[in-house]
Structures are given as C-alpha cells and as structure tokens.
Amino acid sequence: MSYQPAQFKMNDQQIFSFKRWVKKPMDCVINALELMGALDGRNADLMRIAVGDKGLQKDQIESMFSYLFPTNKWDFFGYTDIKLLEHFTMNIMEPGRVIFCGYYGHNVSVNAQIGHVFLIGKDSAGNVLYMDPQVGANGIICNLMEPTCYSHIQNKNQYFILQYSGQSGLIGGKRRASKKRRSSRKKGRRFGKAGSRARSRSRRRSRNRKRRSGKAGSRARSGRSRRRSPRKRSRRSRSRST
C-alpha cells in the first residue's frame, strides 16, 4: 500500500480568526485540527479539557484522522532527515494547502525533550509558512525561509508527516458526513440487483393497492345500487295504486 503526504485546504480566515479560549501546554494536536477546520472552537476546547496535560500519541492521531476521513488509511510517518520535509514543502506542496507535521526533540517553549505537532502551509505567493499556536503568547506564523523561523524545527531527533492512502480524488481524503447529513438520506435506497428487486416489489405493492381499492370501490357502488332499487319499486307501486 502506497502513501502520500496529505495536503489540506486552508484559507486566511481560518488562520487569522484562530483563538484558544482554553489554553493547555499539550494541546498542539488539537490546535492543528482546529486550524485546519476539522474541529470547531467549542469541541476543540472540550478536547483540551479532556486531554489535559497528557497530550496525544501517534496511534491516537492516526485514529482521529481515520474517524474524520474514513475513506483513507492514515500513517503519521516518521523520518530523521529534515531535508525530506524541505523537499516536499518547497517542490511538491500546492499553494493554499497545509500539511500536518511533527517532531520529537528539544522544545524551547517547555525546555524539554517532547513530541510536538505543527502545520506547514504555502500561501498563494509560494511562501512556506510555519504555523504553531503554542509559540509565544498568541502563537506564531512565520516564513520558514527566515533563519529565526526555521530554528523552531531544525536539529530535532525525529520528524513526522501525516500521510494517507486511498482512492479518493480529494487531497486529504473525503471527510466523514455528520449525523444530520446521514439522516437526510433516502431510507431504503439500494443499488444494483438489490435495488432492482426492491423497485419491483414496490411496483407490485402499488398495483395490489390499486386493485384492492378498485374492488372496494365496485363493492361500494353495487351496495349503493341495491339500496336504491327498493325505493324505485315503491314509487312504481304508489303510482299504480293512484
């Protein structure tokens, strides 16, 4: 099974309207999902409260994307050479897209060896941007071509990039439908042989209903005619007597 890096669409409104109402030191995965639009602000804050200060593991991240985009298989692929990330972001990634990335190594914000997740995007001008809401008081979005920005991700022990495999034509996969959308589908709709059998049964039931209604109507008409006939005879008999 072959995998490729997942590129997700992202617009300027998603980037600049982002705000963490509930701040946690290990919410980097939740930040990335909210920035991408996979979580709304309320659900993201509920997840921050539930996760607390523990963070999320590699297999949990893959399970979350499998739930959000069930048409694809997901792998948070690990590697050691940052040049692989540089090559992909500079030469392959499309403008207006972001990729879900991570590293394991020294984190300046907490001054410890930890795993950390962030986003790398490319704007319409071709600038490669580093997006990390955990850096500083309000997060950071900077150009990775600048040394100060590049320093946030260089010299780490291991790097990660989210990859997917599947037949979907959408970059990043087809997102799971909400419960409301699923309930609005036509119930009982099937395709192929099963669908043709269902349609034929429906036509037979419709014909049977029409036949039953026709018989009932004829019985009702005959009953009315029988009820009227005595009245007619009584009128004739009265005319004869007069």
C-alpha atoms as a PDB file:
ATOM      1  CA  MET A   1       0.000   0.000   0.000  1.00  0.00           C
ATOM      2  CA  SER A   2       1.487   3.324  -1.070  1.00  0.00           C
ATOM      3  CA  TYR A   3       1.127   6.501   0.962  1.00  0.00           C
ATOM      4  CA  GLN A   4       1.461  10.179   0.077  1.00  0.00           C
ATOM      5  CA  PRO A   5       1.592  13.307   2.265  1.00  0.00           C
ATOM      6  CA  ALA A   6      -1.866  14.673   2.957  1.00  0.00           C
ATOM      7  CA  GLN A   7      -2.455  18.265   1.906  1.00  0.00           C
ATOM      8  CA  PHE A   8      -5.447  20.049   3.413  1.00  0.00           C
ATOM      9  CA  LYS A   9      -7.124  23.209   2.158  1.00  0.00           C
ATOM     10  CA  MET A  10      -6.828  26.252   4.372  1.00  0.00           C
ATOM     11  CA  ASN A  11      -7.924  29.865   3.923  1.00  0.00           C
ATOM     12  CA  ASP A  12      -6.788  33.103   5.558  1.00  0.00           C
ATOM     13  CA  GLN A  13      -9.930  33.335   7.724  1.00  0.00           C
ATOM     14  CA  GLN A  14      -9.125  30.022   9.407  1.00  0.00           C
ATOM     15  CA  ILE A  15      -5.596  31.240  10.139  1.00  0.00           C
ATOM     16  CA  PHE A  16      -6.260  34.729  11.453  1.00  0.00           C
ATOM     17  CA  SER A  17      -9.522  34.060  13.345  1.00  0.00           C
ATOM     18  CA  PHE A  18      -7.952  31.286  15.406  1.00  0.00           C
ATOM     19  CA  LYS A  19      -8.125  31.735  19.186  1.00  0.00           C
ATOM     20  CA  ARG A  20      -7.555  29.303  22.063  1.00  0.00           C
ATOM     21  CA  TRP A  21     -10.069  30.066  24.819  1.00  0.00           C
ATOM     22  CA  VAL A  22      -8.833  27.159  26.929  1.00  0.00           C
ATOM     23  CA  LYS A  23      -5.029  27.026  26.887  1.00  0.00           C
ATOM     24  CA  LYS A  24      -3.207  23.808  27.693  1.00  0.00           C
ATOM     25  CA  PRO A  25       0.525  23.061  27.430  1.00  0.00           C
ATOM     26  CA  MET A  26      -0.023  19.821  25.428  1.00  0.00           C
ATOM     27  CA  ASP A  27      -2.792  20.832  23.006  1.00  0.00           C
ATOM     28  CA  CYS A  28      -0.688  21.062  19.833  1.00  0.00           C
ATOM     29  CA  VAL A  29      -2.642  18.300  18.029  1.00  0.00           C
ATOM     30  CA  ILE A  30      -5.941  19.964  18.900  1.00  0.00           C
ATOM     31  CA  ASN A  31      -4.599  23.338  17.735  1.00  0.00           C
ATOM     32  CA  ALA A  32      -3.651  21.871  14.360  1.00  0.00           C
ATOM     33  CA  LEU A  33      -7.038  20.183  13.910  1.00  0.00           C
ATOM     34  CA  GLU A  34      -8.839  23.408  14.787  1.00  0.00           C
ATOM     35  CA  LEU A  35      -6.689  25.460  12.434  1.00  0.00           C
ATOM     36  CA  MET A  36      -7.461  23.012   9.616  1.00  0.00           C
ATOM     37  CA  GLY A  37     -11.190  23.290  10.301  1.00  0.00           C
ATOM     38  CA  ALA A  38     -11.548  19.649  11.398  1.00  0.00           C
ATOM     39  CA  LEU A  39     -12.733  20.851  14.839  1.00  0.00           C
ATOM     40  CA  ASP A  40     -14.797  23.889  15.723  1.00  0.00           C
ATOM     41  CA  GLY A  41     -13.759  26.078  18.651  1.00  0.00           C
ATOM     42  CA  ARG A  42     -16.199  24.631  21.177  1.00  0.00           C
ATOM     43  CA  ASN A  43     -15.322  20.979  20.511  1.00  0.00           C
ATOM     44  CA  ALA A  44     -11.623  21.840  20.445  1.00  0.00           C
ATOM     45  CA  ASP A  45     -11.837  23.427  23.894  1.00  0.00           C
ATOM     46  CA  LEU A  46     -13.741  20.402  25.217  1.00  0.00           C
ATOM     47  CA  MET A  47     -10.938  18.188  23.914  1.00  0.00           C
ATOM     48  CA  ARG A  48      -8.342  20.413  25.586  1.00  0.00           C
ATOM     49  CA  ILE A  49     -10.126  19.954  28.892  1.00  0.00           C
ATOM     50  CA  ALA A  50     -10.408  16.176  28.393  1.00  0.00           C
ATOM     51  CA  VAL A  51      -6.789  15.680  27.275  1.00  0.00           C
ATOM     52  CA  GLY A  52      -5.412  17.968  29.968  1.00  0.00           C
ATOM     53  CA  ASP A  53      -1.614  17.937  30.199  1.00  0.00           C
ATOM     54  CA  LYS A  54      -1.076  14.443  28.781  1.00  0.00           C
ATOM     55  CA  GLY A  55      -1.033  15.098  25.045  1.00  0.00           C
ATOM     56  CA  LEU A  56      -1.850  12.561  22.317  1.00  0.00           C
ATOM     57  CA  GLN A  57       0.206   9.654  20.984  1.00  0.00           C
ATOM     58  CA  LYS A  58       0.987   8.685  17.375  1.00  0.00           C
ATOM     59  CA  ASP A  59      -1.627   5.919  17.224  1.00  0.00           C
ATOM     60  CA  GLN A  60      -4.274   8.241  18.671  1.00  0.00           C
ATOM     61  CA  ILE A  61      -3.539  10.840  15.993  1.00  0.00           C
ATOM     62  CA  GLU A  62      -3.915   8.224  13.254  1.00  0.00           C
ATOM     63  CA  SER A  63      -7.191   7.003  14.799  1.00  0.00           C
ATOM     64  CA  MET A  64      -8.576  10.548  14.855  1.00  0.00           C
ATOM     65  CA  PHE A  65      -7.884  11.064  11.159  1.00  0.00           C
ATOM     66  CA  SER A  66      -9.315   7.622  10.369  1.00  0.00           C
ATOM     67  CA  TYR A  67     -12.528   8.729  12.049  1.00  0.00           C
ATOM     68  CA  LEU A  68     -12.618  12.152  10.348  1.00  0.00           C
ATOM     69  CA  PHE A  69     -11.683  10.798   6.899  1.00  0.00           C
ATOM     70  CA  PRO A  70     -12.731   7.120   6.838  1.00  0.00           C
ATOM     71  CA  THR A  71     -12.220   6.632   3.089  1.00  0.00           C
ATOM     72  CA  ASN A  72      -8.435   6.588   3.578  1.00  0.00           C
ATOM     73  CA  LYS A  73      -5.746   4.827   5.599  1.00  0.00           C
ATOM     74  CA  TRP A  74      -3.534   7.120   7.673  1.00  0.00           C
ATOM     75  CA  ASP A  75       0.080   6.962   8.824  1.00  0.00           C
ATOM     76  CA  PHE A  76       1.949   9.590  10.842  1.00  0.00           C
ATOM     77  CA  PHE A  77       5.195   8.709   9.099  1.00  0.00           C
ATOM     78  CA  GLY A  78       8.464   9.199  10.990  1.00  0.00           C
ATOM     79  CA  TYR A  79      11.879  10.018   9.493  1.00  0.00           C
ATOM     80  CA  THR A  80      15.132  11.600  10.629  1.00  0.00           C
ATOM     81  CA  ASP A  81      16.265  13.860   7.766  1.00  0.00           C
ATOM     82  CA  ILE A  82      14.652  17.297   7.687  1.00  0.00           C
ATOM     83  CA  LYS A  83      15.627  17.625   4.018  1.00  0.00           C
ATOM     84  CA  LEU A  84      12.720  15.326   3.149  1.00  0.00           C
ATOM     85  CA  LEU A  85      10.349  17.859   4.684  1.00  0.00           C
ATOM     86  CA  GLU A  86      12.124  20.729   2.926  1.00  0.00           C
ATOM     87  CA  HIS A  87      11.867  18.988  -0.455  1.00  0.00           C
ATOM     88  CA  PHE A  88       8.174  18.310  -0.105  1.00  0.00           C
ATOM     89  CA  THR A  89       7.204  21.789   1.110  1.00  0.00           C
ATOM     90  CA  MET A  90       9.317  23.592  -1.500  1.00  0.00           C
ATOM     91  CA  ASN A  91       8.704  21.429  -4.580  1.00  0.00           C
ATOM     92  CA  ILE A  92       5.530  19.368  -4.168  1.00  0.00           C
ATOM     93  CA  MET A  93       3.102  21.098  -1.815  1.00  0.00           C
ATOM     94  CA  GLU A  94       0.438  23.144  -3.596  1.00  0.00           C
ATOM     95  CA  PRO A  95      -0.426  26.779  -2.745  1.00  0.00           C
ATOM     96  CA  GLY A  96      -3.375  27.193  -0.397  1.00  0.00           C
ATOM     97  CA  ARG A  97      -2.612  23.913   1.380  1.00  0.00           C
ATOM     98  CA  VAL A  98      -1.221  22.850   4.720  1.00  0.00           C
ATOM     99  CA  ILE A  99       0.403  19.638   5.922  1.00  0.00           C
ATOM    100  CA  PHE A 100       0.181  18.101   9.377  1.00  0.00           C
ATOM    101  CA  CYS A 101       3.712  17.692  10.752  1.00  0.00           C
ATOM    102  CA  GLY A 102       5.532  16.931  13.972  1.00  0.00           C
ATOM    103  CA  TYR A 103       8.886  16.305  15.589  1.00  0.00           C
ATOM    104  CA  TYR A 104      10.415  14.684  18.636  1.00  0.00           C
ATOM    105  CA  GLY A 105      13.206  16.656  20.246  1.00  0.00           C
ATOM    106  CA  HIS A 106      14.001  19.675  22.371  1.00  0.00           C
ATOM    107  CA  ASN A 107      11.164  22.160  22.626  1.00  0.00           C
ATOM    108  CA  VAL A 108      12.181  25.708  23.506  1.00  0.00           C
ATOM    109  CA  SER A 109       8.772  26.649  24.921  1.00  0.00           C
ATOM    110  CA  VAL A 110       8.839  23.987  27.642  1.00  0.00           C
ATOM    111  CA  ASN A 111      12.634  23.399  27.663  1.00  0.00           C
ATOM    112  CA  ALA A 112      12.300  19.616  27.439  1.00  0.00           C
ATOM    113  CA  GLN A 113      12.517  16.673  25.030  1.00  0.00           C
ATOM    114  CA  ILE A 114       8.948  16.127  23.824  1.00  0.00           C
ATOM    115  CA  GLY A 115       6.854  15.326  20.783  1.00  0.00           C
ATOM    116  CA  HIS A 116       5.259  18.328  19.128  1.00  0.00           C
ATOM    117  CA  VAL A 117       2.789  18.875  16.272  1.00  0.00           C
ATOM    118  CA  PHE A 118       2.543  21.908  13.975  1.00  0.00           C
ATOM    119  CA  LEU A 119       1.377  22.895  10.497  1.00  0.00           C
ATOM    120  CA  ILE A 120       3.356  23.969   7.445  1.00  0.00           C
ATOM    121  CA  GLY A 121       1.447  25.792   4.723  1.00  0.00           C
ATOM    122  CA  LYS A 122       2.054  27.520   1.421  1.00  0.00           C
ATOM    123  CA  ASP A 123       0.319  30.772   0.522  1.00  0.00           C
ATOM    124  CA  SER A 124      -0.712  31.917  -2.967  1.00  0.00           C
ATOM    125  CA  ALA A 125       2.656  33.680  -3.407  1.00  0.00           C
ATOM    126  CA  GLY A 126       4.555  30.443  -2.781  1.00  0.00           C
ATOM    127  CA  ASN A 127       5.825  31.349   0.705  1.00  0.00           C
ATOM    128  CA  VAL A 128       6.265  28.362   3.011  1.00  0.00           C
ATOM    129  CA  LEU A 129       4.799  29.212   6.412  1.00  0.00           C
ATOM    130  CA  TYR A 130       5.330  27.687   9.849  1.00  0.00           C
ATOM    131  CA  MET A 131       2.122  27.739  11.952  1.00  0.00           C
ATOM    132  CA  ASP A 132       2.291  26.999  15.655  1.00  0.00           C
ATOM    133  CA  PRO A 133      -0.265  28.406  18.146  1.00  0.00           C
ATOM    134  CA  GLN A 134       1.856  27.266  21.118  1.00  0.00           C
ATOM    135  CA  VAL A 135       4.817  29.541  20.380  1.00  0.00           C
ATOM    136  CA  GLY A 136       4.723  32.787  22.360  1.00  0.00           C
ATOM    137  CA  ALA A 137       1.625  34.323  23.908  1.00  0.00           C
ATOM    138  CA  ASN A 138      -0.527  34.292  20.772  1.00  0.00           C
ATOM    139  CA  GLY A 139       1.165  31.723  18.549  1.00  0.00           C
ATOM    140  CA  ILE A 140       3.335  32.279  15.500  1.00  0.00           C
ATOM    141  CA  ILE A 141       3.020  32.262  11.714  1.00  0.00           C
ATOM    142  CA  CYS A 142       6.333  32.929  10.014  1.00  0.00           C
ATOM    143  CA  ASN A 143       8.238  32.311   6.785  1.00  0.00           C
ATOM    144  CA  LEU A 144      10.458  29.218   7.022  1.00  0.00           C
ATOM    145  CA  MET A 145      12.965  30.821   4.656  1.00  0.00           C
ATOM    146  CA  GLU A 146      13.890  33.135   7.527  1.00  0.00           C
ATOM    147  CA  PRO A 147      16.547  31.673   9.900  1.00  0.00           C
ATOM    148  CA  THR A 148      14.703  32.689  13.074  1.00  0.00           C
ATOM    149  CA  CYS A 149      11.583  30.890  11.866  1.00  0.00           C
ATOM    150  CA  TYR A 150      13.484  27.830  10.631  1.00  0.00           C
ATOM    151  CA  SER A 151      15.122  27.463  14.042  1.00  0.00           C
ATOM    152  CA  HIS A 152      11.793  26.307  15.505  1.00  0.00           C
ATOM    153  CA  ILE A 153      12.008  22.974  13.668  1.00  0.00           C
ATOM    154  CA  GLN A 154      15.706  22.353  12.950  1.00  0.00           C
ATOM    155  CA  ASN A 155      18.016  19.935  14.795  1.00  0.00           C
ATOM    156  CA  LYS A 156      15.328  17.594  16.089  1.00  0.00           C
ATOM    157  CA  ASN A 157      15.790  13.879  16.724  1.00  0.00           C
ATOM    158  CA  GLN A 158      12.892  12.740  14.535  1.00  0.00           C
ATOM    159  CA  TYR A 159      10.305  14.312  12.210  1.00  0.00           C
ATOM    160  CA  PHE A 160       6.787  13.230  11.254  1.00  0.00           C
ATOM    161  CA  ILE A 161       4.457  13.991   8.377  1.00  0.00           C
ATOM    162  CA  LEU A 162       0.872  12.786   8.049  1.00  0.00           C
ATOM    163  CA  GLN A 163       0.361  10.559   5.017  1.00  0.00           C
ATOM    164  CA  TYR A 164      -2.684   8.841   3.567  1.00  0.00           C
ATOM    165  CA  SER A 165      -3.528   6.074   1.160  1.00  0.00           C
ATOM    166  CA  GLY A 166      -6.785   5.551  -0.696  1.00  0.00           C
ATOM    167  CA  GLN A 167      -8.743   6.004  -3.889  1.00  0.00           C
ATOM    168  CA  SER A 168     -10.295   9.337  -3.006  1.00  0.00           C
ATOM    169  CA  GLY A 169      -9.657  12.112  -5.503  1.00  0.00           C
ATOM    170  CA  LEU A 170      -9.730  14.759  -2.770  1.00  0.00           C
ATOM    171  CA  ILE A 171      -6.413  15.820  -1.282  1.00  0.00           C
ATOM    172  CA  GLY A 172      -6.508  14.748   2.323  1.00  0.00           C
ATOM    173  CA  GLY A 173      -9.415  12.393   1.796  1.00  0.00           C
ATOM    174  CA  LYS A 174     -13.187  12.661   1.940  1.00  0.00           C
ATOM    175  CA  ARG A 175     -14.466  13.831   5.284  1.00  0.00           C
ATOM    176  CA  ARG A 176     -16.937  11.773   7.320  1.00  0.00           C
ATOM    177  CA  ALA A 177     -20.511  13.022   6.980  1.00  0.00           C
ATOM    178  CA  SER A 178     -22.248  14.379  10.054  1.00  0.00           C
ATOM    179  CA  LYS A 179     -25.170  12.552  11.657  1.00  0.00           C
ATOM    180  CA  LYS A 180     -27.576  15.188  10.349  1.00  0.00           C
ATOM    181  CA  ARG A 181     -26.455  14.658   6.777  1.00  0.00           C
ATOM    182  CA  ARG A 182     -26.660  10.866   7.117  1.00  0.00           C
ATOM    183  CA  SER A 183     -30.224  11.038   8.449  1.00  0.00           C
ATOM    184  CA  SER A 184     -31.314  13.162   5.476  1.00  0.00           C
ATOM    185  CA  ARG A 185     -30.519  10.396   3.010  1.00  0.00           C
ATOM    186  CA  LYS A 186     -33.366   8.464   1.458  1.00  0.00           C
ATOM    187  CA  LYS A 187     -34.034   5.414   3.584  1.00  0.00           C
ATOM    188  CA  GLY A 188     -34.109   2.018   1.940  1.00  0.00           C
ATOM    189  CA  ARG A 189     -32.304   3.157  -1.190  1.00  0.00           C
ATOM    190  CA  ARG A 190     -30.178   0.397  -2.664  1.00  0.00           C
ATOM    191  CA  PHE A 191     -28.338  -0.062  -5.910  1.00  0.00           C
ATOM    192  CA  GLY A 192     -27.662  -2.884  -8.359  1.00  0.00           C
ATOM    193  CA  LYS A 193     -29.586  -6.155  -8.174  1.00  0.00           C
ATOM    194  CA  ALA A 194     -30.852  -5.494  -4.682  1.00  0.00           C
ATOM    195  CA  GLY A 195     -32.160  -2.116  -5.812  1.00  0.00           C
ATOM    196  CA  SER A 196     -33.963  -3.589  -8.831  1.00  0.00           C
ATOM    197  CA  ARG A 197     -35.643  -6.201  -6.612  1.00  0.00           C
ATOM    198  CA  ALA A 198     -36.711  -3.501  -4.182  1.00  0.00           C
ATOM    199  CA  ARG A 199     -38.161  -1.405  -7.017  1.00  0.00           C
ATOM    200  CA  SER A 200     -40.083  -4.388  -8.471  1.00  0.00           C
ATOM    201  CA  ARG A 201     -41.525  -5.196  -5.029  1.00  0.00           C
ATOM    202  CA  SER A 202     -42.575  -1.562  -4.677  1.00  0.00           C
ATOM    203  CA  ARG A 203     -44.332  -1.652  -8.068  1.00  0.00           C
ATOM    204  CA  ARG A 204     -46.152  -4.892  -7.140  1.00  0.00           C
ATOM    205  CA  ARG A 205     -47.332  -3.406  -3.844  1.00  0.00           C
ATOM    206  CA  SER A 206     -48.575  -0.320  -5.691  1.00  0.00           C
ATOM    207  CA  ARG A 207     -50.521  -2.435  -8.200  1.00  0.00           C
ATOM    208  CA  ASN A 208     -52.025  -4.539  -5.397  1.00  0.00           C
ATOM    209  CA  ARG A 209     -53.165  -1.414  -3.559  1.00  0.00           C
ATOM    210  CA  LYS A 210     -54.828  -0.135  -6.730  1.00  0.00           C
ATOM    211  CA  ARG A 211     -56.567  -3.465  -7.260  1.00  0.00           C
ATOM    212  CA  ARG A 212     -57.817  -3.574  -3.687  1.00  0.00           C
ATOM    213  CA  SER A 213     -59.071  -0.011  -3.908  1.00  0.00           C
ATOM    214  CA  GLY A 214     -60.794  -0.840  -7.224  1.00  0.00           C
ATOM    215  CA  LYS A 215     -62.553  -3.851  -5.748  1.00  0.00           C
ATOM    216  CA  ALA A 216     -63.623  -1.892  -2.722  1.00  0.00           C
ATOM    217  CA  GLY A 217     -64.999   0.842  -4.959  1.00  0.00           C
ATOM    218  CA  SER A 218     -67.004  -1.617  -7.064  1.00  0.00           C
ATOM    219  CA  ARG A 219     -68.455  -3.244  -3.944  1.00  0.00           C
ATOM    220  CA  ALA A 220     -69.408   0.177  -2.624  1.00  0.00           C
ATOM    221  CA  ARG A 221     -71.143   1.090  -5.912  1.00  0.00           C
ATOM    222  CA  SER A 222     -73.048  -2.205  -6.039  1.00  0.00           C
ATOM    223  CA  GLY A 223     -74.195  -1.684  -2.477  1.00  0.00           C
ATOM    224  CA  ARG A 224     -75.491   1.783  -3.296  1.00  0.00           C
ATOM    225  CA  SER A 225     -77.374   0.453  -6.337  1.00  0.00           C
ATOM    226  CA  ARG A 226     -79.006  -2.280  -4.220  1.00  0.00           C
ATOM    227  CA  ARG A 227     -80.059   0.272  -1.641  1.00  0.00           C
ATOM    228  CA  ARG A 228     -81.652   2.496  -4.294  1.00  0.00           C
ATOM    229  CA  SER A 229     -83.655  -0.253  -6.065  1.00  0.00           C
ATOM    230  CA  PRO A 230     -86.368  -0.719  -3.362  1.00  0.00           C
ATOM    231  CA  ARG A 231     -87.095   2.999  -3.461  1.00  0.00           C
ATOM    232  CA  LYS A 232     -87.755   2.849  -7.197  1.00  0.00           C
ATOM    233  CA  ARG A 233     -90.153  -0.118  -6.840  1.00  0.00           C
ATOM    234  CA  SER A 234     -92.065   1.613  -4.084  1.00  0.00           C
ATOM    235  CA  ARG A 235     -92.594   4.659  -6.282  1.00  0.00           C
ATOM    236  CA  ARG A 236     -93.994   2.482  -9.112  1.00  0.00           C
ATOM    237  CA  SER A 237     -96.330   0.720  -6.740  1.00  0.00           C
ATOM    238  CA  ARG A 238     -97.629   4.055  -5.426  1.00  0.00           C
ATOM    239  CA  SER A 239     -98.326   5.275  -8.992  1.00  0.00           C
ATOM    240  CA  ARG A 240    -100.325   2.150  -9.773  1.00  0.00           C
ATOM    241  CA  SER A 241    -102.452   2.438  -6.658  1.00  0.00           C
ATOM    242  CA  THR A 242    -103.437   6.018  -7.511  1.00  0.00           C
END
